[in-house]
Structures are given as C-alpha cells and as structure tokens.
Amino acid sequence: MRTLLVLLMLCFTAVSHAVSTAENQRIYVNSDFKRAEVFPSNSRGLPILKDIVVADVLNKKVSFIVRKKGFNPKKIIVVQKSLFSKKIERLQTKVISLSDLDAYRVTVTLKDDDLPLVVFRVGSFLSGSDYFVAINDLQQAGVAELQNNKRLPARNQLKYVETLLLSYPSNFTLHRMQTDLSIVVDRLDDAARTRKRTYADKMAFKAALALEKNTTNRYEWKEGYQRYLKLYPNGKYVNKAKESLRRIQLGLQTERNTTNPQSEGDQSISLLSLFSIG
C-alpha cells in the first residue's frame, strides 16, 4: 500500500510538473510566413488534426522559437512520424540562443516527406509536453496513408477513418471509405460470431460424449445429450445426439426388463386384462 501511494504521488508530481512546464514556456513556428503559437497536446494520442498548425518548410527545415526561462536544449526530443503507422524518425536539432532574453531557435532537418507530423517534446518521458506541427496538408496525407496501407486491418482502418472525419466531416472520400470498411468489419464480426457459435456447439457435444466415457450412469448420459439439444436445437451434432438418446433409451429399457422380469402369472393376467370384455 505504501509503495502504491508513493507511485501515485510521483505520477501526480510528474503531471503537475508537466502542466507547470507548459505554462511557463511558449513555442512558435512560422505558418504562411507568419508566426503562429503551437500549444501542447492534452493527451499522449493525436490531437484534433484540424487544430494542428501547418509549419512553413524551407530547404527541408522547420524552425521553432522557444521562449522559456532556463531552457535546457538537452531536454528536447524532436521526431517526425506518420499519422497512423508506427513509422518514426528522430530528428537532429540545432539550437541557437537569440538576442531576445530567454528565446531560442530550434531548427530540425526533415528526413521523410511521407511523414507529415513533427512532434516537439520538451522534458522527460513522464513530465514532457508534446507540441505537434504538420509539414503538409493532414487531410490529404491521412487519406493517402490509409489508401496506400492495404496491410492495415480493416477494423484499424475504420477507426482511423473516423478519426479523420472528426476533423474533416465533409470529405467525400472518407465517407465512402467509412461505408466500405463498415461493411467489411460487419462481415468479419459475423464470421467471428459464427466461429464462436460453432466452437461452443462442438464443445457442448464433446461434454455430452465425455459423460459416456467417464461415467456408467445411463441417466447422466441421457441428461447430457438432452442438455445439448436444448442449448443447440439447430446444432451441427443434433442427429448424433438424437441417435445417442435412442441408443441410451433402448439400453435403459433393456436394463429395466432384465432387472424386473415379469412372471408367467403376471403375463397371463396382463393378457387377460388386454382381452377382457366389459
């Protein structure tokens, strides 16, 4: 319990530090040849794509202006990444102190034109703040990435399409992809449900078979097959279960006849009762 409390306190301290760090610094990039402020992301995932600033790129370079008292260049990490895949490149940084007090220019050289996001992290893993900028149109980049990545599972593709639609709800291509992928995912779900039912059907019948192997009580065998038929009246093994029930019923009847045979007198009385008049 004490260890858990310590960990919770450390996490709270880290988050508090991250908030205070973000509040005490300002980061800017040039966008459309004007300086635009970049705000830290509120989560570890992607921010709303339409809110991401598109930075000006000059000779494959992007420059950030950082305003922070006591800024430590060793505590920054800048990466270039795709929107949805795991492809990522760490970028080299060049830091220059500006004449303005507590202002620095951080320049990075891009590595891959197909990676549309640049993430500027200030601080450590736990207490860092992430600042996202784009190097080209994210709507086009997102659609192109999904169309070109055919190996991505349909369920993941649908999730990413819906993420893009949050920012670009009027994109016809995305709506068409959403419709097509929804059909594929529905079919996959139906197939998964069918496999699950088929497996459960098989295991229920195996359970009934196991009673015959592990017990000598025919009534238990009978209950096992009856239970199967009740659970799976249209199951794959219905005919086999019914055949087993007939066999078991015949065995039970034979067992009763062997255990309680009728005497000749009883048989005569039975015959008389059958043919008696009135």
C-alpha atoms as a PDB file:
ATOM      1  CA  MET A   1       0.000   0.000   0.000  1.00  0.00           C
ATOM      2  CA  ARG A   2       2.816   2.383   0.897  1.00  0.00           C
ATOM      3  CA  THR A   3       4.563   1.645  -2.411  1.00  0.00           C
ATOM      4  CA  LEU A   4       1.336   2.339  -4.305  1.00  0.00           C
ATOM      5  CA  LEU A   5       0.909   5.682  -2.535  1.00  0.00           C
ATOM      6  CA  VAL A   6       4.480   6.651  -3.392  1.00  0.00           C
ATOM      7  CA  LEU A   7       3.910   5.786  -7.064  1.00  0.00           C
ATOM      8  CA  LEU A   8       0.687   7.784  -7.142  1.00  0.00           C
ATOM      9  CA  MET A   9       2.459  10.773  -5.593  1.00  0.00           C
ATOM     10  CA  LEU A  10       5.250  10.515  -8.176  1.00  0.00           C
ATOM     11  CA  CYS A  11       2.738  10.383 -11.032  1.00  0.00           C
ATOM     12  CA  PHE A  12       0.845  13.362  -9.631  1.00  0.00           C
ATOM     13  CA  THR A  13       4.099  15.288  -9.257  1.00  0.00           C
ATOM     14  CA  ALA A  14       5.118  14.421 -12.817  1.00  0.00           C
ATOM     15  CA  VAL A  15       1.782  15.548 -14.251  1.00  0.00           C
ATOM     16  CA  SER A  16       1.838  18.733 -12.173  1.00  0.00           C
ATOM     17  CA  HIS A  17       5.354  19.443 -13.387  1.00  0.00           C
ATOM     18  CA  ALA A  18       4.295  18.878 -16.996  1.00  0.00           C
ATOM     19  CA  VAL A  19       1.444  21.382 -16.613  1.00  0.00           C
ATOM     20  CA  SER A  20       3.675  23.988 -14.981  1.00  0.00           C
ATOM     21  CA  THR A  21       6.346  23.424 -17.639  1.00  0.00           C
ATOM     22  CA  ALA A  22       3.833  24.005 -20.424  1.00  0.00           C
ATOM     23  CA  GLU A  23       2.500  27.133 -18.726  1.00  0.00           C
ATOM     24  CA  ASN A  24       5.983  28.645 -18.380  1.00  0.00           C
ATOM     25  CA  GLN A  25       7.032  28.214 -21.998  1.00  0.00           C
ATOM     26  CA  ARG A  26       5.858  29.371 -25.396  1.00  0.00           C
ATOM     27  CA  ILE A  27       6.664  27.658 -28.673  1.00  0.00           C
ATOM     28  CA  TYR A  28       6.121  29.172 -32.116  1.00  0.00           C
ATOM     29  CA  VAL A  29       6.634  28.240 -35.770  1.00  0.00           C
ATOM     30  CA  ASN A  30       6.212  30.159 -38.996  1.00  0.00           C
ATOM     31  CA  SER A  31       2.965  29.284 -40.759  1.00  0.00           C
ATOM     32  CA  ASP A  32       2.035  31.066 -44.003  1.00  0.00           C
ATOM     33  CA  PHE A  33       5.018  33.322 -43.308  1.00  0.00           C
ATOM     34  CA  LYS A  34       3.504  34.473 -40.020  1.00  0.00           C
ATOM     35  CA  ARG A  35       4.471  33.420 -36.531  1.00  0.00           C
ATOM     36  CA  ALA A  36       1.941  31.028 -35.002  1.00  0.00           C
ATOM     37  CA  GLU A  37       1.925  29.682 -31.469  1.00  0.00           C
ATOM     38  CA  VAL A  38       1.910  25.910 -31.013  1.00  0.00           C
ATOM     39  CA  PHE A  39       0.032  24.628 -27.987  1.00  0.00           C
ATOM     40  CA  PRO A  40       0.850  21.424 -26.083  1.00  0.00           C
ATOM     41  CA  SER A  41      -1.255  18.346 -26.662  1.00  0.00           C
ATOM     42  CA  ASN A  42      -3.574  17.382 -23.820  1.00  0.00           C
ATOM     43  CA  SER A  43      -3.030  13.656 -24.331  1.00  0.00           C
ATOM     44  CA  ARG A  44      -0.458  11.113 -25.499  1.00  0.00           C
ATOM     45  CA  GLY A  45      -2.559  10.389 -28.574  1.00  0.00           C
ATOM     46  CA  LEU A  46      -3.128  12.548 -31.610  1.00  0.00           C
ATOM     47  CA  PRO A  47      -4.742  15.939 -31.049  1.00  0.00           C
ATOM     48  CA  ILE A  48      -7.633  17.055 -33.255  1.00  0.00           C
ATOM     49  CA  LEU A  49      -5.937  17.140 -36.638  1.00  0.00           C
ATOM     50  CA  LYS A  50      -7.640  20.282 -37.933  1.00  0.00           C
ATOM     51  CA  ASP A  51      -6.191  22.208 -34.970  1.00  0.00           C
ATOM     52  CA  ILE A  52      -2.573  21.325 -35.789  1.00  0.00           C
ATOM     53  CA  VAL A  53      -0.536  24.222 -37.169  1.00  0.00           C
ATOM     54  CA  VAL A  54       0.993  23.646 -40.615  1.00  0.00           C
ATOM     55  CA  ALA A  55       4.589  24.860 -40.431  1.00  0.00           C
ATOM     56  CA  ASP A  56       6.496  26.514 -43.252  1.00  0.00           C
ATOM     57  CA  VAL A  57       9.234  24.247 -44.607  1.00  0.00           C
ATOM     58  CA  LEU A  58      12.341  25.864 -46.114  1.00  0.00           C
ATOM     59  CA  ASN A  59      15.047  23.646 -47.613  1.00  0.00           C
ATOM     60  CA  LYS A  60      13.601  20.658 -45.719  1.00  0.00           C
ATOM     61  CA  LYS A  61      13.977  22.536 -42.429  1.00  0.00           C
ATOM     62  CA  VAL A  62      11.475  23.611 -39.794  1.00  0.00           C
ATOM     63  CA  SER A  63      12.391  26.198 -37.167  1.00  0.00           C
ATOM     64  CA  PHE A  64      10.788  26.528 -33.748  1.00  0.00           C
ATOM     65  CA  ILE A  65      11.078  29.554 -31.491  1.00  0.00           C
ATOM     66  CA  VAL A  66      11.113  28.610 -27.819  1.00  0.00           C
ATOM     67  CA  ARG A  67      10.566  31.182 -25.101  1.00  0.00           C
ATOM     68  CA  LYS A  68      11.365  29.750 -21.726  1.00  0.00           C
ATOM     69  CA  LYS A  69      13.448  30.863 -18.800  1.00  0.00           C
ATOM     70  CA  GLY A  70      16.198  28.354 -18.087  1.00  0.00           C
ATOM     71  CA  PHE A  71      15.546  26.422 -21.307  1.00  0.00           C
ATOM     72  CA  ASN A  72      17.724  23.287 -21.500  1.00  0.00           C
ATOM     73  CA  PRO A  73      18.390  22.134 -25.116  1.00  0.00           C
ATOM     74  CA  LYS A  74      19.342  18.677 -23.815  1.00  0.00           C
ATOM     75  CA  LYS A  75      15.777  18.109 -22.675  1.00  0.00           C
ATOM     76  CA  ILE A  76      14.150  18.279 -26.075  1.00  0.00           C
ATOM     77  CA  ILE A  77      13.360  15.447 -28.465  1.00  0.00           C
ATOM     78  CA  VAL A  78      12.005  16.108 -31.945  1.00  0.00           C
ATOM     79  CA  VAL A  79      10.631  13.307 -34.123  1.00  0.00           C
ATOM     80  CA  GLN A  80       8.959  13.039 -37.498  1.00  0.00           C
ATOM     81  CA  LYS A  81       6.154  10.478 -37.702  1.00  0.00           C
ATOM     82  CA  SER A  82       3.254   9.166 -39.704  1.00  0.00           C
ATOM     83  CA  LEU A  83      -0.338   9.707 -38.695  1.00  0.00           C
ATOM     84  CA  PHE A  84      -1.349   6.102 -38.151  1.00  0.00           C
ATOM     85  CA  SER A  85       1.556   3.706 -38.610  1.00  0.00           C
ATOM     86  CA  LYS A  86       4.469   3.182 -36.232  1.00  0.00           C
ATOM     87  CA  LYS A  87       6.986   4.707 -38.624  1.00  0.00           C
ATOM     88  CA  ILE A  88       9.016   7.374 -36.842  1.00  0.00           C
ATOM     89  CA  GLU A  89      12.314   9.207 -37.327  1.00  0.00           C
ATOM     90  CA  ARG A  90      14.227  11.110 -34.694  1.00  0.00           C
ATOM     91  CA  LEU A  91      15.482  14.461 -35.993  1.00  0.00           C
ATOM     92  CA  GLN A  92      18.727  16.223 -35.239  1.00  0.00           C
ATOM     93  CA  THR A  93      18.300  19.630 -33.612  1.00  0.00           C
ATOM     94  CA  LYS A  94      20.321  22.803 -33.937  1.00  0.00           C
ATOM     95  CA  VAL A  95      19.748  25.291 -31.107  1.00  0.00           C
ATOM     96  CA  ILE A  96      20.707  28.964 -31.284  1.00  0.00           C
ATOM     97  CA  SER A  97      20.244  31.448 -28.461  1.00  0.00           C
ATOM     98  CA  LEU A  98      18.552  34.626 -29.714  1.00  0.00           C
ATOM     99  CA  SER A  99      19.303  38.152 -28.625  1.00  0.00           C
ATOM    100  CA  ASP A 100      15.868  38.356 -27.069  1.00  0.00           C
ATOM    101  CA  LEU A 101      16.026  37.258 -23.425  1.00  0.00           C
ATOM    102  CA  ASP A 102      15.140  33.600 -22.842  1.00  0.00           C
ATOM    103  CA  ALA A 103      14.409  32.956 -26.539  1.00  0.00           C
ATOM    104  CA  TYR A 104      15.903  30.174 -28.658  1.00  0.00           C
ATOM    105  CA  ARG A 105      15.614  28.989 -32.239  1.00  0.00           C
ATOM    106  CA  VAL A 106      15.477  25.206 -32.625  1.00  0.00           C
ATOM    107  CA  THR A 107      15.918  24.059 -36.227  1.00  0.00           C
ATOM    108  CA  VAL A 108      15.330  20.498 -37.398  1.00  0.00           C
ATOM    109  CA  THR A 109      16.033  18.892 -40.775  1.00  0.00           C
ATOM    110  CA  LEU A 110      13.257  16.661 -42.068  1.00  0.00           C
ATOM    111  CA  LYS A 111      14.065  13.107 -43.150  1.00  0.00           C
ATOM    112  CA  ASP A 112      10.990  11.753 -44.919  1.00  0.00           C
ATOM    113  CA  ASP A 113       8.403  13.694 -46.925  1.00  0.00           C
ATOM    114  CA  ASP A 114       5.871  10.897 -46.331  1.00  0.00           C
ATOM    115  CA  LEU A 115       5.858  11.523 -42.561  1.00  0.00           C
ATOM    116  CA  PRO A 116       3.534  14.520 -42.154  1.00  0.00           C
ATOM    117  CA  LEU A 117       3.863  15.194 -38.417  1.00  0.00           C
ATOM    118  CA  VAL A 118       6.667  16.719 -36.382  1.00  0.00           C
ATOM    119  CA  VAL A 119       6.433  16.256 -32.622  1.00  0.00           C
ATOM    120  CA  PHE A 120       8.478  18.588 -30.432  1.00  0.00           C
ATOM    121  CA  ARG A 121       8.827  17.238 -26.903  1.00  0.00           C
ATOM    122  CA  VAL A 122      10.187  19.298 -24.029  1.00  0.00           C
ATOM    123  CA  GLY A 123      11.080  17.411 -20.840  1.00  0.00           C
ATOM    124  CA  SER A 124      11.317  13.760 -19.865  1.00  0.00           C
ATOM    125  CA  PHE A 125       9.012  10.843 -20.719  1.00  0.00           C
ATOM    126  CA  LEU A 126       6.816  11.335 -17.640  1.00  0.00           C
ATOM    127  CA  SER A 127       6.908  15.098 -17.365  1.00  0.00           C
ATOM    128  CA  GLY A 128       7.292  16.104 -21.004  1.00  0.00           C
ATOM    129  CA  SER A 129       4.976  18.247 -23.104  1.00  0.00           C
ATOM    130  CA  ASP A 130       4.310  17.385 -26.756  1.00  0.00           C
ATOM    131  CA  TYR A 131       3.830  20.036 -29.427  1.00  0.00           C
ATOM    132  CA  PHE A 132       2.528  18.843 -32.820  1.00  0.00           C
ATOM    133  CA  VAL A 133       3.048  20.611 -36.134  1.00  0.00           C
ATOM    134  CA  ALA A 134       2.300  19.428 -39.662  1.00  0.00           C
ATOM    135  CA  ILE A 135       4.585  19.798 -42.659  1.00  0.00           C
ATOM    136  CA  ASN A 136       1.801  19.399 -45.238  1.00  0.00           C
ATOM    137  CA  ASP A 137      -1.967  19.108 -45.515  1.00  0.00           C
ATOM    138  CA  LEU A 138      -3.039  16.469 -42.987  1.00  0.00           C
ATOM    139  CA  GLN A 139      -6.360  15.776 -44.681  1.00  0.00           C
ATOM    140  CA  GLN A 140      -4.659  14.720 -47.904  1.00  0.00           C
ATOM    141  CA  ALA A 141      -1.838  12.981 -46.037  1.00  0.00           C
ATOM    142  CA  GLY A 142      -4.274  10.987 -43.899  1.00  0.00           C
ATOM    143  CA  VAL A 143      -6.383   9.806 -46.836  1.00  0.00           C
ATOM    144  CA  ALA A 144      -3.274   8.898 -48.850  1.00  0.00           C
ATOM    145  CA  GLU A 145      -1.754   6.961 -45.940  1.00  0.00           C
ATOM    146  CA  LEU A 146      -4.872   4.861 -45.451  1.00  0.00           C
ATOM    147  CA  GLN A 147      -5.344   4.223 -49.167  1.00  0.00           C
ATOM    148  CA  ASN A 148      -1.725   3.127 -49.564  1.00  0.00           C
ATOM    149  CA  ASN A 149      -1.597   0.937 -46.451  1.00  0.00           C
ATOM    150  CA  LYS A 150      -3.582  -2.117 -47.572  1.00  0.00           C
ATOM    151  CA  ARG A 151      -1.992  -4.370 -44.948  1.00  0.00           C
ATOM    152  CA  LEU A 152      -3.664  -2.473 -42.138  1.00  0.00           C
ATOM    153  CA  PRO A 153      -6.550  -4.492 -40.625  1.00  0.00           C
ATOM    154  CA  ALA A 154      -9.976  -3.234 -41.684  1.00  0.00           C
ATOM    155  CA  ARG A 155     -11.011  -2.532 -38.094  1.00  0.00           C
ATOM    156  CA  ASN A 156      -7.978  -0.281 -37.586  1.00  0.00           C
ATOM    157  CA  GLN A 157      -8.566   1.439 -40.916  1.00  0.00           C
ATOM    158  CA  LEU A 158     -12.158   2.190 -39.921  1.00  0.00           C
ATOM    159  CA  LYS A 159     -11.021   3.654 -36.595  1.00  0.00           C
ATOM    160  CA  TYR A 160      -8.511   5.920 -38.354  1.00  0.00           C
ATOM    161  CA  VAL A 161     -11.060   6.996 -40.973  1.00  0.00           C
ATOM    162  CA  GLU A 162     -13.419   8.006 -38.164  1.00  0.00           C
ATOM    163  CA  THR A 163     -10.563   9.921 -36.521  1.00  0.00           C
ATOM    164  CA  LEU A 164     -10.044  11.872 -39.753  1.00  0.00           C
ATOM    165  CA  LEU A 165     -13.781  12.513 -40.087  1.00  0.00           C
ATOM    166  CA  LEU A 166     -13.789  14.268 -36.713  1.00  0.00           C
ATOM    167  CA  SER A 167     -11.606  16.934 -38.304  1.00  0.00           C
ATOM    168  CA  TYR A 168     -12.817  16.710 -41.903  1.00  0.00           C
ATOM    169  CA  PRO A 169     -16.526  15.772 -41.820  1.00  0.00           C
ATOM    170  CA  SER A 170     -17.178  16.946 -45.391  1.00  0.00           C
ATOM    171  CA  ASN A 171     -14.576  14.722 -47.044  1.00  0.00           C
ATOM    172  CA  PHE A 172     -16.448  12.541 -49.559  1.00  0.00           C
ATOM    173  CA  THR A 173     -13.581  10.047 -49.933  1.00  0.00           C
ATOM    174  CA  LEU A 174     -13.503   9.446 -46.178  1.00  0.00           C
ATOM    175  CA  HIS A 175     -17.263   8.857 -46.056  1.00  0.00           C
ATOM    176  CA  ARG A 176     -17.013   6.348 -48.904  1.00  0.00           C
ATOM    177  CA  MET A 177     -14.135   4.576 -47.132  1.00  0.00           C
ATOM    178  CA  GLN A 178     -16.159   4.523 -43.904  1.00  0.00           C
ATOM    179  CA  THR A 179     -19.101   2.857 -45.683  1.00  0.00           C
ATOM    180  CA  ASP A 180     -16.937   0.243 -47.411  1.00  0.00           C
ATOM    181  CA  LEU A 181     -14.933  -0.543 -44.282  1.00  0.00           C
ATOM    182  CA  SER A 182     -18.067  -0.770 -42.114  1.00  0.00           C
ATOM    183  CA  ILE A 183     -19.393  -3.490 -44.430  1.00  0.00           C
ATOM    184  CA  VAL A 184     -16.101  -5.388 -44.205  1.00  0.00           C
ATOM    185  CA  VAL A 185     -15.988  -5.096 -40.405  1.00  0.00           C
ATOM    186  CA  ASP A 186     -19.623  -6.247 -40.109  1.00  0.00           C
ATOM    187  CA  ARG A 187     -18.788  -9.321 -42.180  1.00  0.00           C
ATOM    188  CA  LEU A 188     -15.754 -10.007 -40.021  1.00  0.00           C
ATOM    189  CA  ASP A 189     -17.907  -9.690 -36.906  1.00  0.00           C
ATOM    190  CA  ASP A 190     -20.498 -12.082 -38.359  1.00  0.00           C
ATOM    191  CA  ALA A 191     -17.761 -14.575 -39.226  1.00  0.00           C
ATOM    192  CA  ALA A 192     -16.305 -14.279 -35.728  1.00  0.00           C
ATOM    193  CA  ARG A 193     -19.716 -14.874 -34.149  1.00  0.00           C
ATOM    194  CA  THR A 194     -20.233 -17.908 -36.388  1.00  0.00           C
ATOM    195  CA  ARG A 195     -16.856 -19.340 -35.386  1.00  0.00           C
ATOM    196  CA  LYS A 196     -17.683 -18.747 -31.740  1.00  0.00           C
ATOM    197  CA  ARG A 197     -21.078 -20.480 -32.028  1.00  0.00           C
ATOM    198  CA  THR A 198     -19.552 -23.385 -33.950  1.00  0.00           C
ATOM    199  CA  TYR A 199     -16.875 -23.839 -31.301  1.00  0.00           C
ATOM    200  CA  ALA A 200     -19.393 -23.662 -28.439  1.00  0.00           C
ATOM    201  CA  ASP A 201     -21.624 -26.179 -30.256  1.00  0.00           C
ATOM    202  CA  LYS A 202     -18.704 -28.573 -30.641  1.00  0.00           C
ATOM    203  CA  MET A 203     -17.604 -28.247 -27.009  1.00  0.00           C
ATOM    204  CA  ALA A 204     -21.150 -28.808 -25.709  1.00  0.00           C
ATOM    205  CA  PHE A 205     -21.436 -32.033 -27.716  1.00  0.00           C
ATOM    206  CA  LYS A 206     -17.984 -33.119 -26.520  1.00  0.00           C
ATOM    207  CA  ALA A 207     -19.145 -32.578 -22.942  1.00  0.00           C
ATOM    208  CA  ALA A 208     -22.057 -34.961 -23.560  1.00  0.00           C
ATOM    209  CA  LEU A 209     -19.694 -37.529 -25.106  1.00  0.00           C
ATOM    210  CA  ALA A 210     -17.371 -37.202 -22.112  1.00  0.00           C
ATOM    211  CA  LEU A 211     -20.151 -38.299 -19.762  1.00  0.00           C
ATOM    212  CA  GLU A 212     -20.361 -41.622 -21.611  1.00  0.00           C
ATOM    213  CA  LYS A 213     -16.617 -42.109 -21.298  1.00  0.00           C
ATOM    214  CA  ASN A 214     -16.271 -41.050 -17.674  1.00  0.00           C
ATOM    215  CA  THR A 215     -19.435 -42.414 -16.031  1.00  0.00           C
ATOM    216  CA  THR A 216     -21.513 -45.602 -16.159  1.00  0.00           C
ATOM    217  CA  ASN A 217     -24.814 -43.951 -15.314  1.00  0.00           C
ATOM    218  CA  ARG A 218     -27.045 -44.011 -18.397  1.00  0.00           C
ATOM    219  CA  TYR A 219     -29.353 -41.389 -16.883  1.00  0.00           C
ATOM    220  CA  GLU A 220     -26.425 -38.959 -16.756  1.00  0.00           C
ATOM    221  CA  TRP A 221     -25.644 -39.758 -20.382  1.00  0.00           C
ATOM    222  CA  LYS A 222     -29.260 -39.060 -21.269  1.00  0.00           C
ATOM    223  CA  GLU A 223     -29.241 -35.738 -19.416  1.00  0.00           C
ATOM    224  CA  GLY A 224     -26.027 -34.722 -21.208  1.00  0.00           C
ATOM    225  CA  TYR A 225     -27.487 -35.200 -24.694  1.00  0.00           C
ATOM    226  CA  GLN A 226     -30.801 -33.633 -23.703  1.00  0.00           C
ATOM    227  CA  ARG A 227     -28.907 -30.617 -22.389  1.00  0.00           C
ATOM    228  CA  TYR A 228     -27.048 -30.331 -25.693  1.00  0.00           C
ATOM    229  CA  LEU A 229     -30.298 -30.468 -27.709  1.00  0.00           C
ATOM    230  CA  LYS A 230     -31.848 -27.804 -25.504  1.00  0.00           C
ATOM    231  CA  LEU A 231     -28.871 -25.457 -25.945  1.00  0.00           C
ATOM    232  CA  TYR A 232     -28.333 -26.128 -29.648  1.00  0.00           C
ATOM    233  CA  PRO A 233     -31.620 -27.290 -31.250  1.00  0.00           C
ATOM    234  CA  ASN A 234     -30.156 -26.482 -34.681  1.00  0.00           C
ATOM    235  CA  GLY A 235     -26.599 -27.516 -33.879  1.00  0.00           C
ATOM    236  CA  LYS A 236     -24.233 -29.480 -36.045  1.00  0.00           C
ATOM    237  CA  TYR A 237     -24.473 -32.605 -33.885  1.00  0.00           C
ATOM    238  CA  VAL A 238     -28.252 -32.765 -33.372  1.00  0.00           C
ATOM    239  CA  ASN A 239     -28.703 -36.004 -35.347  1.00  0.00           C
ATOM    240  CA  LYS A 240     -25.852 -37.691 -33.493  1.00  0.00           C
ATOM    241  CA  ALA A 241     -27.282 -36.557 -30.160  1.00  0.00           C
ATOM    242  CA  LYS A 242     -30.746 -37.914 -31.041  1.00  0.00           C
ATOM    243  CA  GLU A 243     -29.239 -41.201 -32.200  1.00  0.00           C
ATOM    244  CA  SER A 244     -27.335 -41.471 -28.914  1.00  0.00           C
ATOM    245  CA  LEU A 245     -30.526 -40.768 -26.962  1.00  0.00           C
ATOM    246  CA  ARG A 246     -32.359 -43.577 -28.790  1.00  0.00           C
ATOM    247  CA  ARG A 247     -29.485 -45.946 -28.051  1.00  0.00           C
ATOM    248  CA  ILE A 248     -29.407 -44.932 -24.384  1.00  0.00           C
ATOM    249  CA  GLN A 249     -33.202 -45.234 -24.067  1.00  0.00           C
ATOM    250  CA  LEU A 250     -33.054 -48.739 -25.546  1.00  0.00           C
ATOM    251  CA  GLY A 251     -30.302 -49.638 -23.086  1.00  0.00           C
ATOM    252  CA  LEU A 252     -32.344 -48.302 -20.170  1.00  0.00           C
ATOM    253  CA  GLN A 253     -35.391 -50.307 -21.310  1.00  0.00           C
ATOM    254  CA  THR A 254     -33.309 -53.472 -21.629  1.00  0.00           C
ATOM    255  CA  GLU A 255     -31.840 -52.821 -18.189  1.00  0.00           C
ATOM    256  CA  ARG A 256     -35.318 -52.444 -16.655  1.00  0.00           C
ATOM    257  CA  ASN A 257     -36.550 -55.629 -18.325  1.00  0.00           C
ATOM    258  CA  THR A 258     -33.523 -57.531 -17.055  1.00  0.00           C
ATOM    259  CA  THR A 259     -33.864 -56.182 -13.528  1.00  0.00           C
ATOM    260  CA  ASN A 260     -37.678 -56.649 -13.226  1.00  0.00           C
ATOM    261  CA  PRO A 261     -38.747 -59.657 -15.415  1.00  0.00           C
ATOM    262  CA  GLN A 262     -42.487 -60.482 -15.419  1.00  0.00           C
ATOM    263  CA  SER A 263     -43.587 -63.884 -14.051  1.00  0.00           C
ATOM    264  CA  GLU A 264     -45.795 -66.199 -16.123  1.00  0.00           C
ATOM    265  CA  GLY A 265     -48.765 -65.417 -13.853  1.00  0.00           C
ATOM    266  CA  ASP A 266     -48.259 -61.705 -14.327  1.00  0.00           C
ATOM    267  CA  GLN A 267     -48.050 -62.221 -18.064  1.00  0.00           C
ATOM    268  CA  SER A 268     -51.336 -64.227 -18.006  1.00  0.00           C
ATOM    269  CA  ILE A 269     -53.065 -61.509 -16.007  1.00  0.00           C
ATOM    270  CA  SER A 270     -51.786 -58.942 -18.449  1.00  0.00           C
ATOM    271  CA  LEU A 271     -53.108 -60.946 -21.396  1.00  0.00           C
ATOM    272  CA  LEU A 272     -56.496 -61.412 -19.706  1.00  0.00           C
ATOM    273  CA  SER A 273     -56.729 -57.704 -18.997  1.00  0.00           C
ATOM    274  CA  LEU A 274     -55.956 -56.959 -22.616  1.00  0.00           C
ATOM    275  CA  PHE A 275     -58.657 -59.295 -23.948  1.00  0.00           C
ATOM    276  CA  SER A 276     -61.279 -58.881 -21.207  1.00  0.00           C
ATOM    277  CA  ILE A 277     -64.735 -57.681 -22.235  1.00  0.00           C
ATOM    278  CA  GLY A 278     -66.528 -55.096 -20.159  1.00  0.00           C
END
